[in-house]
Structure formats: structure tokens, C-alpha cells
Amino acid sequence: MTGTIAVLIVDDHPVVRMGLCGMLANEDDIEVVGEAGSADEAVALTHALDPDVVLMDLRMPGGGVEATARLAKEKPKSRVLVLTTYGTDDQILSAVEAGATGYLLKHADRADLLQAIRSAATGETVLAPSVAARLTRRVRAPKRDSLSARESEVLRLVARGLSNPAIGAALCISEATVKTHMIRIFGKLGVDDRTAAVMVAVSRGFITVED
């Protein structure tokens, strides 16, 4: 995307919000447009401020997963990027299934967070490496590392440079469904970004560059 990325920070700890604001303050292409301390406030401010990215904690009044699900339904163009201390398999999958574009842990370094925000703003799926590793164990198919026909189809379109919305339009599925496929692809291939997913899939013969 072009222009400034508007970010809403959602966390029930004021000190955490202050730290994130400070971390993002000097980025020319990122602007913090608001802060929220609860799920209800997050939803209300997303409607009011129309941010490009919502940095969402999971453990807060009203629940981060619940807020993510509401935003995915009511404000799908505001991408939810989970940023939390916790990373259990169930929490990760719950957030993804609720509609989160990505999932990072709070110990991520500044460069990774900035890149994740920029990627999420374009609709790209973002996973911390440790999160991708957890999903590898959780969603791996019975046939080791195999991709389903639909997952291969999605990845072929990724290889052609299509965005998640464009892939959804091409396959007549929702963008949320595309994100779910991408999360499962990342998990099965043990990667954490789209480029790596294509490279690994090609190297293992799941797709070809000619596709």
C-alpha cells in the first residue's frame, strides 16, 4: 500500500501502549491514530478511526479473540495483527480462525514488528517463527508436509504475485478463508512468510513456477 499506515494499539496495560507508541513514533510511514484498553473500546475506535492495522492483545477485558472476530466481520479492511505474550496452539488457532491477519509475540524485536505491521497493512499473513513452528506440529497433514489441492491452488496464485483479496476473488472464496489457508500452508511447510512458502513448495515439488 502507499501512504501512511494508520495503527490502533489495543492493550489493557497503559505502559505497554506507551512503549508501542514510542517504538512507532519515528516511522515516517506509520502513525498511531488511537489506543484502546478493552475489546469494546477497540471495536468502537476501529469504527471511528478506520485504522489500517489493529495491534491486538488477546488477554484483556472483553477478550482479544472476541474483538478480532467482531472486527473481521464488521471492519474487514482493518487488519488485526495479534501482539501478545501468550502463544499456545489453541490461542493461535483461535485468533487465526477469528480473522487475525497475523500473530506475533511481544518479545519480537522492533524490526520484526515494523515489518509485520507493513505486511499486515497489505493483507499479507504474518507469523512469528515460533508460532509457525507450533502450527507445523498442529496442522501437519497425515501425509507428511502434504498440501491439499486447495492449498496448492492458493499457493500457485501467491507465486504469481496475487494478494489475499485477489486470490479470494480468483477462487470465489472470502479473504478470511484465504488467510486460513495461508496459515495452514505456513504451518505445514514450517515457514513464516509467503516468499519462503513458495520456495519450499517448489523445492518439494508441490507447485512449479510455471503454474
N, C-alpha and C. Protein backbone atom coordinates (compact mmCIF):
# COMPACT_ATOMS: atom_id res chain seq x y z
N MET A 1 0.84 -1.19 0.00
CA MET A 1 0.00 0.00 0.00
C MET A 1 0.87 1.24 0.00
N THR A 2 0.28 2.38 -0.38
CA THR A 2 1.01 3.64 -0.39
C THR A 2 0.46 4.54 0.70
N GLY A 3 1.25 5.53 1.12
CA GLY A 3 0.80 6.45 2.15
C GLY A 3 1.11 5.93 3.53
N THR A 4 0.59 6.66 4.53
CA THR A 4 0.86 6.33 5.92
C THR A 4 -0.06 5.21 6.41
N ILE A 5 0.50 4.29 7.16
CA ILE A 5 -0.27 3.19 7.75
C ILE A 5 -0.82 3.64 9.10
N ALA A 6 -2.13 3.70 9.20
CA ALA A 6 -2.78 4.10 10.46
C ALA A 6 -2.90 2.88 11.38
N VAL A 7 -2.40 3.00 12.61
CA VAL A 7 -2.37 1.88 13.55
C VAL A 7 -3.16 2.21 14.81
N LEU A 8 -3.98 1.27 15.24
CA LEU A 8 -4.67 1.35 16.53
C LEU A 8 -4.04 0.32 17.45
N ILE A 9 -3.60 0.77 18.64
CA ILE A 9 -2.97 -0.11 19.61
C ILE A 9 -4.01 -0.53 20.65
N VAL A 10 -4.16 -1.85 20.83
CA VAL A 10 -5.15 -2.37 21.77
C VAL A 10 -4.45 -3.23 22.82
N ASP A 11 -4.43 -2.73 24.05
CA ASP A 11 -3.81 -3.45 25.17
C ASP A 11 -4.34 -2.84 26.45
N ASP A 12 -4.62 -3.68 27.45
CA ASP A 12 -5.19 -3.13 28.68
C ASP A 12 -4.14 -2.58 29.63
N HIS A 13 -2.86 -2.64 29.26
CA HIS A 13 -1.79 -2.10 30.09
C HIS A 13 -1.29 -0.77 29.50
N PRO A 14 -1.53 0.35 30.17
CA PRO A 14 -1.10 1.64 29.64
C PRO A 14 0.39 1.72 29.35
N VAL A 15 1.20 1.07 30.17
CA VAL A 15 2.65 1.12 29.95
C VAL A 15 3.03 0.43 28.64
N VAL A 16 2.35 -0.66 28.34
CA VAL A 16 2.61 -1.36 27.07
C VAL A 16 2.21 -0.48 25.90
N ARG A 17 1.06 0.15 25.99
CA ARG A 17 0.61 1.04 24.91
C ARG A 17 1.60 2.18 24.72
N MET A 18 2.08 2.73 25.84
CA MET A 18 3.04 3.83 25.76
C MET A 18 4.32 3.38 25.07
N GLY A 19 4.79 2.17 25.42
CA GLY A 19 6.01 1.66 24.81
C GLY A 19 5.86 1.44 23.31
N LEU A 20 4.72 0.91 22.90
CA LEU A 20 4.48 0.69 21.48
C LEU A 20 4.37 2.01 20.72
N CYS A 21 3.73 2.98 21.34
CA CYS A 21 3.63 4.30 20.71
C CYS A 21 5.03 4.89 20.49
N GLY A 22 5.86 4.75 21.51
CA GLY A 22 7.23 5.26 21.39
C GLY A 22 8.01 4.53 20.32
N MET A 23 7.80 3.23 20.21
CA MET A 23 8.52 2.42 19.23
C MET A 23 8.14 2.80 17.80
N LEU A 24 6.88 3.20 17.61
CA LEU A 24 6.40 3.51 16.26
C LEU A 24 6.50 4.98 15.90
N ALA A 25 6.83 5.81 16.88
CA ALA A 25 6.73 7.26 16.70
C ALA A 25 7.63 7.81 15.60
N ASN A 26 8.79 7.21 15.38
CA ASN A 26 9.75 7.77 14.43
C ASN A 26 9.67 7.17 13.03
N GLU A 27 8.64 6.37 12.80
CA GLU A 27 8.49 5.76 11.47
C GLU A 27 7.67 6.67 10.57
N ASP A 28 8.24 7.08 9.44
CA ASP A 28 7.57 8.03 8.56
C ASP A 28 6.29 7.46 7.94
N ASP A 29 6.24 6.15 7.79
CA ASP A 29 5.09 5.55 7.09
C ASP A 29 4.08 4.92 8.05
N ILE A 30 4.26 5.11 9.36
CA ILE A 30 3.34 4.53 10.34
C ILE A 30 2.90 5.61 11.31
N GLU A 31 1.60 5.68 11.57
CA GLU A 31 1.06 6.66 12.52
C GLU A 31 0.09 5.97 13.48
N VAL A 32 0.34 6.12 14.77
CA VAL A 32 -0.59 5.61 15.77
C VAL A 32 -1.75 6.59 15.87
N VAL A 33 -2.94 6.13 15.53
CA VAL A 33 -4.10 7.03 15.50
C VAL A 33 -4.98 6.89 16.73
N GLY A 34 -4.72 5.87 17.56
CA GLY A 34 -5.53 5.71 18.75
C GLY A 34 -5.07 4.55 19.61
N GLU A 35 -5.60 4.52 20.84
CA GLU A 35 -5.29 3.45 21.79
C GLU A 35 -6.59 2.98 22.43
N ALA A 36 -6.66 1.68 22.70
CA ALA A 36 -7.83 1.10 23.36
C ALA A 36 -7.38 0.12 24.43
N GLY A 37 -8.18 0.02 25.50
CA GLY A 37 -7.82 -0.84 26.61
C GLY A 37 -8.77 -2.00 26.82
N SER A 38 -9.76 -2.16 25.95
CA SER A 38 -10.72 -3.25 26.08
C SER A 38 -11.25 -3.62 24.70
N ALA A 39 -11.92 -4.78 24.64
CA ALA A 39 -12.47 -5.24 23.36
C ALA A 39 -13.52 -4.27 22.82
N ASP A 40 -14.43 -3.83 23.67
CA ASP A 40 -15.48 -2.92 23.22
C ASP A 40 -14.89 -1.60 22.72
N GLU A 41 -13.89 -1.10 23.45
CA GLU A 41 -13.26 0.15 23.03
C GLU A 41 -12.52 -0.05 21.71
N ALA A 42 -11.90 -1.20 21.53
CA ALA A 42 -11.19 -1.49 20.29
C ALA A 42 -12.14 -1.47 19.09
N VAL A 43 -13.29 -2.10 19.25
CA VAL A 43 -14.26 -2.14 18.16
C VAL A 43 -14.80 -0.74 17.87
N ALA A 44 -15.13 -0.02 18.92
CA ALA A 44 -15.67 1.34 18.75
C ALA A 44 -14.66 2.25 18.05
N LEU A 45 -13.41 2.20 18.48
CA LEU A 45 -12.39 3.08 17.89
C LEU A 45 -12.04 2.65 16.47
N THR A 46 -12.12 1.38 16.19
CA THR A 46 -11.87 0.94 14.81
C THR A 46 -12.93 1.49 13.87
N HIS A 47 -14.17 1.49 14.32
CA HIS A 47 -15.24 2.09 13.52
C HIS A 47 -15.03 3.59 13.36
N ALA A 48 -14.57 4.23 14.43
CA ALA A 48 -14.43 5.69 14.40
C ALA A 48 -13.20 6.15 13.64
N LEU A 49 -12.10 5.41 13.75
CA LEU A 49 -10.81 5.87 13.22
C LEU A 49 -10.40 5.18 11.92
N ASP A 50 -11.02 4.04 11.61
CA ASP A 50 -10.74 3.32 10.37
C ASP A 50 -9.24 3.04 10.18
N PRO A 51 -8.59 2.42 11.16
CA PRO A 51 -7.15 2.15 11.03
C PRO A 51 -6.87 1.07 9.99
N ASP A 52 -5.65 1.10 9.45
CA ASP A 52 -5.24 0.05 8.53
C ASP A 52 -4.89 -1.23 9.27
N VAL A 53 -4.27 -1.07 10.44
CA VAL A 53 -3.82 -2.21 11.25
C VAL A 53 -4.24 -2.00 12.70
N VAL A 54 -4.77 -3.06 13.31
CA VAL A 54 -5.10 -3.05 14.74
C VAL A 54 -4.14 -4.00 15.44
N LEU A 55 -3.26 -3.46 16.28
CA LEU A 55 -2.37 -4.30 17.08
C LEU A 55 -3.16 -4.79 18.28
N MET A 56 -3.44 -6.08 18.35
CA MET A 56 -4.41 -6.61 19.29
C MET A 56 -3.78 -7.55 20.32
N ASP A 57 -3.89 -7.19 21.59
CA ASP A 57 -3.54 -8.13 22.66
C ASP A 57 -4.70 -9.10 22.81
N LEU A 58 -4.44 -10.29 23.34
CA LEU A 58 -5.51 -11.28 23.49
C LEU A 58 -6.15 -11.25 24.87
N ARG A 59 -5.35 -11.06 25.91
CA ARG A 59 -5.88 -11.12 27.27
C ARG A 59 -6.18 -9.72 27.78
N MET A 60 -7.44 -9.36 27.69
CA MET A 60 -7.89 -8.05 28.14
C MET A 60 -9.39 -8.11 28.34
N PRO A 61 -9.97 -7.11 28.99
CA PRO A 61 -11.43 -7.11 29.21
C PRO A 61 -12.20 -7.26 27.90
N GLY A 62 -13.08 -8.22 27.84
CA GLY A 62 -13.87 -8.46 26.64
C GLY A 62 -13.27 -9.49 25.71
N GLY A 63 -11.95 -9.73 25.84
CA GLY A 63 -11.28 -10.76 25.05
C GLY A 63 -10.80 -10.31 23.70
N GLY A 64 -9.52 -10.53 23.43
CA GLY A 64 -8.95 -10.15 22.14
C GLY A 64 -9.46 -10.98 20.99
N VAL A 65 -9.68 -12.27 21.23
CA VAL A 65 -10.21 -13.12 20.16
C VAL A 65 -11.61 -12.67 19.77
N GLU A 66 -12.42 -12.36 20.78
CA GLU A 66 -13.78 -11.90 20.52
C GLU A 66 -13.77 -10.59 19.73
N ALA A 67 -12.87 -9.67 20.12
CA ALA A 67 -12.76 -8.40 19.40
C ALA A 67 -12.30 -8.63 17.96
N THR A 68 -11.36 -9.55 17.79
CA THR A 68 -10.86 -9.87 16.45
C THR A 68 -11.99 -10.39 15.56
N ALA A 69 -12.81 -11.28 16.10
CA ALA A 69 -13.92 -11.83 15.33
C ALA A 69 -14.91 -10.74 14.93
N ARG A 70 -15.19 -9.83 15.85
CA ARG A 70 -16.11 -8.74 15.53
C ARG A 70 -15.55 -7.84 14.43
N LEU A 71 -14.27 -7.53 14.53
CA LEU A 71 -13.66 -6.65 13.54
C LEU A 71 -13.57 -7.33 12.17
N ALA A 72 -13.28 -8.63 12.16
CA ALA A 72 -13.20 -9.35 10.89
C ALA A 72 -14.54 -9.29 10.16
N LYS A 73 -15.61 -9.28 10.93
CA LYS A 73 -16.96 -9.24 10.34
C LYS A 73 -17.39 -7.81 10.01
N GLU A 74 -17.11 -6.88 10.93
CA GLU A 74 -17.64 -5.52 10.80
C GLU A 74 -16.69 -4.56 10.07
N LYS A 75 -15.37 -4.78 10.20
CA LYS A 75 -14.37 -3.88 9.60
C LYS A 75 -13.25 -4.70 8.97
N PRO A 76 -13.54 -5.49 7.96
CA PRO A 76 -12.54 -6.40 7.40
C PRO A 76 -11.32 -5.71 6.79
N LYS A 77 -11.46 -4.43 6.42
CA LYS A 77 -10.32 -3.74 5.83
C LYS A 77 -9.31 -3.27 6.88
N SER A 78 -9.70 -3.30 8.14
CA SER A 78 -8.76 -3.02 9.24
C SER A 78 -8.16 -4.35 9.67
N ARG A 79 -6.91 -4.57 9.30
CA ARG A 79 -6.27 -5.87 9.55
C ARG A 79 -5.88 -6.01 11.02
N VAL A 80 -6.24 -7.12 11.62
CA VAL A 80 -5.89 -7.37 13.01
C VAL A 80 -4.59 -8.15 13.08
N LEU A 81 -3.59 -7.56 13.72
CA LEU A 81 -2.31 -8.21 13.95
C LEU A 81 -2.19 -8.47 15.44
N VAL A 82 -2.28 -9.73 15.84
CA VAL A 82 -2.20 -10.08 17.25
C VAL A 82 -0.78 -9.87 17.75
N LEU A 83 -0.66 -9.18 18.88
CA LEU A 83 0.63 -8.97 19.54
C LEU A 83 0.42 -9.27 21.01
N THR A 84 0.86 -10.44 21.44
CA THR A 84 0.52 -10.90 22.77
C THR A 84 1.68 -11.62 23.43
N THR A 85 1.59 -11.80 24.73
CA THR A 85 2.62 -12.52 25.48
C THR A 85 2.45 -14.01 25.32
N TYR A 86 1.24 -14.45 25.03
CA TYR A 86 0.90 -15.86 25.06
C TYR A 86 0.86 -16.45 23.67
N GLY A 87 1.28 -17.72 23.56
CA GLY A 87 1.33 -18.34 22.25
C GLY A 87 1.03 -19.82 22.25
N THR A 88 -0.02 -20.25 22.97
CA THR A 88 -0.39 -21.66 22.94
C THR A 88 -1.05 -21.98 21.60
N ASP A 89 -1.01 -23.27 21.24
CA ASP A 89 -1.59 -23.68 19.97
C ASP A 89 -3.05 -23.26 19.84
N ASP A 90 -3.82 -23.49 20.91
CA ASP A 90 -5.24 -23.17 20.87
C ASP A 90 -5.47 -21.67 20.69
N GLN A 91 -4.67 -20.86 21.37
CA GLN A 91 -4.82 -19.41 21.24
C GLN A 91 -4.49 -18.95 19.83
N ILE A 92 -3.42 -19.51 19.28
CA ILE A 92 -3.02 -19.13 17.93
C ILE A 92 -4.13 -19.46 16.93
N LEU A 93 -4.60 -20.70 16.98
CA LEU A 93 -5.64 -21.11 16.03
C LEU A 93 -6.94 -20.35 16.24
N SER A 94 -7.27 -20.07 17.51
CA SER A 94 -8.50 -19.31 17.78
C SER A 94 -8.42 -17.92 17.18
N ALA A 95 -7.26 -17.27 17.31
CA ALA A 95 -7.09 -15.93 16.76
C ALA A 95 -7.15 -15.94 15.25
N VAL A 96 -6.48 -16.92 14.64
CA VAL A 96 -6.48 -17.02 13.19
C VAL A 96 -7.88 -17.30 12.66
N GLU A 97 -8.56 -18.25 13.29
CA GLU A 97 -9.91 -18.59 12.85
C GLU A 97 -10.88 -17.44 13.06
N ALA A 98 -10.58 -16.57 14.03
CA ALA A 98 -11.43 -15.39 14.27
C ALA A 98 -11.23 -14.34 13.20
N GLY A 99 -10.12 -14.43 12.45
CA GLY A 99 -9.88 -13.49 11.36
C GLY A 99 -8.61 -12.68 11.46
N ALA A 100 -7.71 -13.00 12.40
CA ALA A 100 -6.46 -12.25 12.52
C ALA A 100 -5.60 -12.45 11.27
N THR A 101 -4.98 -11.37 10.82
CA THR A 101 -4.07 -11.44 9.69
C THR A 101 -2.74 -12.03 10.09
N GLY A 102 -2.34 -11.82 11.35
CA GLY A 102 -1.05 -12.33 11.80
C GLY A 102 -0.99 -12.49 13.30
N TYR A 103 0.11 -13.05 13.76
CA TYR A 103 0.26 -13.37 15.18
C TYR A 103 1.73 -13.23 15.55
N LEU A 104 2.03 -12.25 16.41
CA LEU A 104 3.38 -12.04 16.91
C LEU A 104 3.38 -12.12 18.43
N LEU A 105 4.53 -12.48 19.00
CA LEU A 105 4.69 -12.46 20.44
C LEU A 105 5.39 -11.17 20.85
N LYS A 106 5.14 -10.71 22.06
CA LYS A 106 5.63 -9.41 22.49
C LYS A 106 7.14 -9.32 22.62
N HIS A 107 7.81 -10.46 22.62
CA HIS A 107 9.28 -10.39 22.67
C HIS A 107 9.89 -10.23 21.27
N ALA A 108 9.05 -10.07 20.25
CA ALA A 108 9.56 -9.82 18.91
C ALA A 108 10.38 -8.53 18.90
N ASP A 109 11.43 -8.49 18.10
CA ASP A 109 12.23 -7.27 18.09
C ASP A 109 11.55 -6.20 17.23
N ARG A 110 12.06 -5.01 17.34
CA ARG A 110 11.44 -3.86 16.70
C ARG A 110 11.34 -4.02 15.18
N ALA A 111 12.42 -4.51 14.57
CA ALA A 111 12.42 -4.67 13.11
C ALA A 111 11.33 -5.64 12.66
N ASP A 112 11.17 -6.73 13.40
CA ASP A 112 10.14 -7.72 13.04
C ASP A 112 8.74 -7.14 13.19
N LEU A 113 8.54 -6.36 14.26
CA LEU A 113 7.23 -5.75 14.47
C LEU A 113 6.90 -4.76 13.35
N LEU A 114 7.86 -3.94 13.00
CA LEU A 114 7.62 -2.96 11.93
C LEU A 114 7.31 -3.64 10.61
N GLN A 115 8.07 -4.69 10.30
CA GLN A 115 7.81 -5.40 9.05
C GLN A 115 6.45 -6.07 9.08
N ALA A 116 6.08 -6.60 10.25
CA ALA A 116 4.78 -7.26 10.37
C ALA A 116 3.64 -6.27 10.16
N ILE A 117 3.77 -5.08 10.71
CA ILE A 117 2.75 -4.05 10.52
C ILE A 117 2.62 -3.69 9.04
N ARG A 118 3.75 -3.52 8.38
CA ARG A 118 3.72 -3.15 6.97
C ARG A 118 3.13 -4.27 6.12
N SER A 119 3.46 -5.50 6.45
CA SER A 119 2.93 -6.63 5.71
C SER A 119 1.43 -6.80 5.96
N ALA A 120 1.03 -6.67 7.23
CA ALA A 120 -0.39 -6.81 7.57
C ALA A 120 -1.22 -5.76 6.87
N ALA A 121 -0.69 -4.56 6.73
CA ALA A 121 -1.43 -3.48 6.09
C ALA A 121 -1.79 -3.80 4.64
N THR A 122 -1.01 -4.67 3.99
CA THR A 122 -1.29 -5.06 2.61
C THR A 122 -2.12 -6.34 2.55
N GLY A 123 -2.47 -6.89 3.73
CA GLY A 123 -3.27 -8.10 3.77
C GLY A 123 -2.47 -9.38 3.80
N GLU A 124 -1.14 -9.26 3.91
CA GLU A 124 -0.31 -10.46 3.94
C GLU A 124 -0.40 -11.14 5.31
N THR A 125 -0.36 -12.46 5.30
CA THR A 125 -0.37 -13.22 6.54
C THR A 125 1.01 -13.14 7.18
N VAL A 126 1.03 -12.89 8.49
CA VAL A 126 2.28 -12.70 9.22
C VAL A 126 2.30 -13.62 10.44
N LEU A 127 3.37 -14.42 10.56
CA LEU A 127 3.52 -15.29 11.71
C LEU A 127 4.92 -15.20 12.28
N ALA A 128 5.04 -15.09 13.60
CA ALA A 128 6.34 -15.20 14.24
C ALA A 128 6.90 -16.59 13.97
N PRO A 129 8.22 -16.72 13.79
CA PRO A 129 8.80 -18.05 13.53
C PRO A 129 8.39 -19.10 14.56
N SER A 130 8.36 -18.74 15.83
CA SER A 130 8.00 -19.71 16.86
C SER A 130 6.54 -20.13 16.72
N VAL A 131 5.70 -19.21 16.26
CA VAL A 131 4.29 -19.52 16.04
C VAL A 131 4.14 -20.46 14.85
N ALA A 132 4.89 -20.20 13.79
CA ALA A 132 4.85 -21.09 12.63
C ALA A 132 5.28 -22.49 13.02
N ALA A 133 6.29 -22.59 13.89
CA ALA A 133 6.76 -23.90 14.32
C ALA A 133 5.68 -24.64 15.09
N ARG A 134 4.93 -23.92 15.94
CA ARG A 134 3.84 -24.56 16.68
C ARG A 134 2.77 -25.08 15.73
N LEU A 135 2.45 -24.26 14.73
CA LEU A 135 1.41 -24.68 13.79
C LEU A 135 1.86 -25.85 12.92
N THR A 136 3.17 -25.94 12.70
CA THR A 136 3.68 -27.08 11.94
C THR A 136 3.26 -28.38 12.61
N ARG A 137 3.41 -28.42 13.91
CA ARG A 137 3.05 -29.63 14.66
C ARG A 137 1.54 -29.80 14.72
N ARG A 138 0.81 -28.70 14.78
CA ARG A 138 -0.64 -28.77 15.00
C ARG A 138 -1.42 -29.10 13.74
N VAL A 139 -1.05 -28.53 12.61
CA VAL A 139 -1.88 -28.68 11.42
C VAL A 139 -1.28 -29.57 10.35
N ARG A 140 -0.12 -30.16 10.61
CA ARG A 140 0.52 -31.01 9.61
C ARG A 140 -0.41 -32.14 9.21
N ALA A 141 -0.53 -32.39 7.92
CA ALA A 141 -1.41 -33.45 7.41
C ALA A 141 -0.82 -34.82 7.73
N PRO A 142 -1.69 -35.86 7.73
CA PRO A 142 -1.19 -37.21 7.97
C PRO A 142 -0.07 -37.60 7.01
N LYS A 143 -0.21 -37.25 5.75
CA LYS A 143 0.90 -37.44 4.82
C LYS A 143 1.86 -36.29 5.04
N ARG A 144 3.06 -36.59 5.44
CA ARG A 144 3.99 -35.58 5.95
C ARG A 144 4.12 -34.40 4.99
N ASP A 145 3.81 -33.22 5.52
CA ASP A 145 4.02 -31.95 4.83
C ASP A 145 3.16 -31.76 3.57
N SER A 146 2.23 -32.67 3.29
CA SER A 146 1.47 -32.56 2.05
C SER A 146 0.50 -31.38 2.12
N LEU A 147 0.31 -30.74 0.97
CA LEU A 147 -0.67 -29.67 0.85
C LEU A 147 -1.93 -30.21 0.20
N SER A 148 -3.08 -29.70 0.63
CA SER A 148 -4.32 -30.08 -0.02
C SER A 148 -4.38 -29.46 -1.41
N ALA A 149 -5.32 -29.92 -2.20
CA ALA A 149 -5.47 -29.37 -3.55
C ALA A 149 -5.76 -27.87 -3.50
N ARG A 150 -6.62 -27.46 -2.56
CA ARG A 150 -6.94 -26.04 -2.44
C ARG A 150 -5.74 -25.23 -1.97
N GLU A 151 -4.98 -25.77 -1.02
CA GLU A 151 -3.79 -25.06 -0.54
C GLU A 151 -2.78 -24.88 -1.66
N SER A 152 -2.60 -25.90 -2.48
CA SER A 152 -1.69 -25.79 -3.62
C SER A 152 -2.18 -24.73 -4.61
N GLU A 153 -3.49 -24.70 -4.80
CA GLU A 153 -4.09 -23.72 -5.70
C GLU A 153 -3.85 -22.30 -5.19
N VAL A 154 -4.06 -22.11 -3.89
CA VAL A 154 -3.81 -20.80 -3.29
C VAL A 154 -2.35 -20.41 -3.45
N LEU A 155 -1.44 -21.35 -3.19
CA LEU A 155 -0.02 -21.04 -3.24
C LEU A 155 0.46 -20.76 -4.66
N ARG A 156 -0.16 -21.40 -5.63
CA ARG A 156 0.19 -21.08 -7.02
C ARG A 156 -0.13 -19.62 -7.34
N LEU A 157 -1.24 -19.14 -6.80
CA LEU A 157 -1.61 -17.75 -7.04
C LEU A 157 -0.70 -16.80 -6.26
N VAL A 158 -0.26 -17.23 -5.08
CA VAL A 158 0.73 -16.44 -4.34
C VAL A 158 2.00 -16.31 -5.16
N ALA A 159 2.41 -17.42 -5.77
CA ALA A 159 3.63 -17.42 -6.59
C ALA A 159 3.52 -16.47 -7.77
N ARG A 160 2.29 -16.22 -8.21
CA ARG A 160 2.07 -15.29 -9.32
C ARG A 160 1.99 -13.84 -8.85
N GLY A 161 2.11 -13.64 -7.55
CA GLY A 161 2.14 -12.28 -7.01
C GLY A 161 0.80 -11.73 -6.59
N LEU A 162 -0.24 -12.56 -6.52
CA LEU A 162 -1.56 -12.07 -6.13
C LEU A 162 -1.64 -11.85 -4.62
N SER A 163 -2.36 -10.82 -4.22
CA SER A 163 -2.61 -10.54 -2.82
C SER A 163 -3.73 -11.45 -2.30
N ASN A 164 -3.92 -11.47 -0.99
CA ASN A 164 -5.01 -12.29 -0.44
C ASN A 164 -6.37 -11.91 -1.00
N PRO A 165 -6.72 -10.61 -1.08
CA PRO A 165 -8.02 -10.26 -1.66
C PRO A 165 -8.15 -10.73 -3.12
N ALA A 166 -7.06 -10.61 -3.89
CA ALA A 166 -7.11 -11.02 -5.29
C ALA A 166 -7.25 -12.54 -5.41
N ILE A 167 -6.59 -13.27 -4.51
CA ILE A 167 -6.71 -14.73 -4.51
C ILE A 167 -8.15 -15.12 -4.19
N GLY A 168 -8.73 -14.45 -3.20
CA GLY A 168 -10.12 -14.73 -2.84
C GLY A 168 -11.06 -14.51 -4.01
N ALA A 169 -10.84 -13.40 -4.72
CA ALA A 169 -11.70 -13.10 -5.87
C ALA A 169 -11.52 -14.15 -6.97
N ALA A 170 -10.27 -14.57 -7.20
CA ALA A 170 -9.99 -15.53 -8.26
C ALA A 170 -10.61 -16.90 -7.96
N LEU A 171 -10.64 -17.27 -6.68
CA LEU A 171 -11.13 -18.59 -6.31
C LEU A 171 -12.57 -18.56 -5.78
N CYS A 172 -13.16 -17.36 -5.75
CA CYS A 172 -14.53 -17.20 -5.27
C CYS A 172 -14.68 -17.65 -3.81
N ILE A 173 -13.69 -17.28 -3.00
CA ILE A 173 -13.74 -17.55 -1.57
C ILE A 173 -13.46 -16.25 -0.83
N SER A 174 -13.77 -16.20 0.46
CA SER A 174 -13.56 -14.97 1.21
C SER A 174 -12.08 -14.76 1.52
N GLU A 175 -11.72 -13.52 1.79
CA GLU A 175 -10.34 -13.22 2.17
C GLU A 175 -9.98 -13.94 3.47
N ALA A 176 -10.94 -14.05 4.39
CA ALA A 176 -10.68 -14.77 5.65
C ALA A 176 -10.31 -16.23 5.38
N THR A 177 -10.98 -16.85 4.40
CA THR A 177 -10.68 -18.23 4.04
C THR A 177 -9.29 -18.34 3.45
N VAL A 178 -8.92 -17.35 2.63
CA VAL A 178 -7.56 -17.33 2.08
C VAL A 178 -6.54 -17.27 3.21
N LYS A 179 -6.79 -16.41 4.20
CA LYS A 179 -5.87 -16.29 5.33
C LYS A 179 -5.73 -17.60 6.06
N THR A 180 -6.85 -18.29 6.26
CA THR A 180 -6.81 -19.58 6.95
C THR A 180 -5.96 -20.58 6.16
N HIS A 181 -6.14 -20.61 4.84
CA HIS A 181 -5.31 -21.50 4.01
C HIS A 181 -3.83 -21.14 4.14
N MET A 182 -3.52 -19.83 4.15
CA MET A 182 -2.13 -19.42 4.25
C MET A 182 -1.52 -19.83 5.59
N ILE A 183 -2.28 -19.70 6.66
CA ILE A 183 -1.78 -20.11 7.97
C ILE A 183 -1.47 -21.60 7.97
N ARG A 184 -2.35 -22.38 7.39
CA ARG A 184 -2.12 -23.83 7.35
C ARG A 184 -0.94 -24.19 6.44
N ILE A 185 -0.80 -23.46 5.36
CA ILE A 185 0.35 -23.67 4.47
C ILE A 185 1.64 -23.36 5.22
N PHE A 186 1.68 -22.23 5.92
CA PHE A 186 2.87 -21.87 6.69
C PHE A 186 3.20 -22.96 7.69
N GLY A 187 2.16 -23.45 8.38
CA GLY A 187 2.39 -24.48 9.38
C GLY A 187 2.94 -25.76 8.79
N LYS A 188 2.36 -26.21 7.69
CA LYS A 188 2.79 -27.46 7.08
C LYS A 188 4.21 -27.36 6.51
N LEU A 189 4.56 -26.20 5.97
CA LEU A 189 5.87 -26.05 5.36
C LEU A 189 6.92 -25.56 6.35
N GLY A 190 6.48 -25.15 7.55
CA GLY A 190 7.43 -24.68 8.55
C GLY A 190 8.08 -23.37 8.20
N VAL A 191 7.30 -22.45 7.60
CA VAL A 191 7.82 -21.14 7.19
C VAL A 191 6.99 -20.05 7.84
N ASP A 192 7.43 -18.80 7.68
CA ASP A 192 6.69 -17.71 8.29
C ASP A 192 6.44 -16.54 7.35
N ASP A 193 6.65 -16.74 6.03
CA ASP A 193 6.29 -15.69 5.08
C ASP A 193 5.97 -16.31 3.72
N ARG A 194 5.36 -15.52 2.88
CA ARG A 194 4.84 -16.00 1.60
C ARG A 194 5.97 -16.45 0.66
N THR A 195 7.04 -15.65 0.61
CA THR A 195 8.15 -16.00 -0.29
C THR A 195 8.75 -17.34 0.07
N ALA A 196 8.97 -17.55 1.37
CA ALA A 196 9.54 -18.82 1.82
C ALA A 196 8.59 -19.97 1.52
N ALA A 197 7.29 -19.73 1.67
CA ALA A 197 6.30 -20.78 1.39
C ALA A 197 6.40 -21.23 -0.07
N VAL A 198 6.49 -20.27 -0.98
CA VAL A 198 6.59 -20.60 -2.40
C VAL A 198 7.89 -21.36 -2.68
N MET A 199 9.00 -20.89 -2.11
CA MET A 199 10.30 -21.52 -2.36
C MET A 199 10.31 -22.97 -1.85
N VAL A 200 9.79 -23.18 -0.64
CA VAL A 200 9.77 -24.53 -0.08
C VAL A 200 8.85 -25.43 -0.89
N ALA A 201 7.67 -24.91 -1.25
CA ALA A 201 6.72 -25.71 -2.02
C ALA A 201 7.30 -26.12 -3.37
N VAL A 202 8.00 -25.20 -4.02
CA VAL A 202 8.64 -25.50 -5.31
C VAL A 202 9.73 -26.56 -5.11
N SER A 203 10.54 -26.38 -4.06
CA SER A 203 11.64 -27.31 -3.83
C SER A 203 11.15 -28.71 -3.52
N ARG A 204 9.95 -28.83 -2.94
CA ARG A 204 9.41 -30.14 -2.60
C ARG A 204 8.48 -30.69 -3.68
N GLY A 205 8.33 -29.93 -4.76
CA GLY A 205 7.53 -30.41 -5.87
C GLY A 205 6.03 -30.26 -5.72
N PHE A 206 5.58 -29.45 -4.73
CA PHE A 206 4.15 -29.26 -4.53
C PHE A 206 3.56 -28.35 -5.61
N ILE A 207 4.34 -27.36 -6.04
CA ILE A 207 3.94 -26.50 -7.14
C ILE A 207 5.16 -26.26 -8.02
N THR A 208 4.96 -25.74 -9.22
CA THR A 208 6.07 -25.36 -10.08
C THR A 208 5.93 -23.90 -10.44
N VAL A 209 7.02 -23.28 -10.78
CA VAL A 209 6.99 -21.86 -11.13
C VAL A 209 6.19 -21.62 -12.38
N GLU A 210 6.07 -22.63 -13.22
CA GLU A 210 5.28 -22.48 -14.45
C GLU A 210 3.79 -22.44 -14.15
N ASP A 211 3.38 -22.96 -12.94
CA ASP A 211 1.97 -22.96 -12.61
C ASP A 211 1.46 -21.53 -12.47
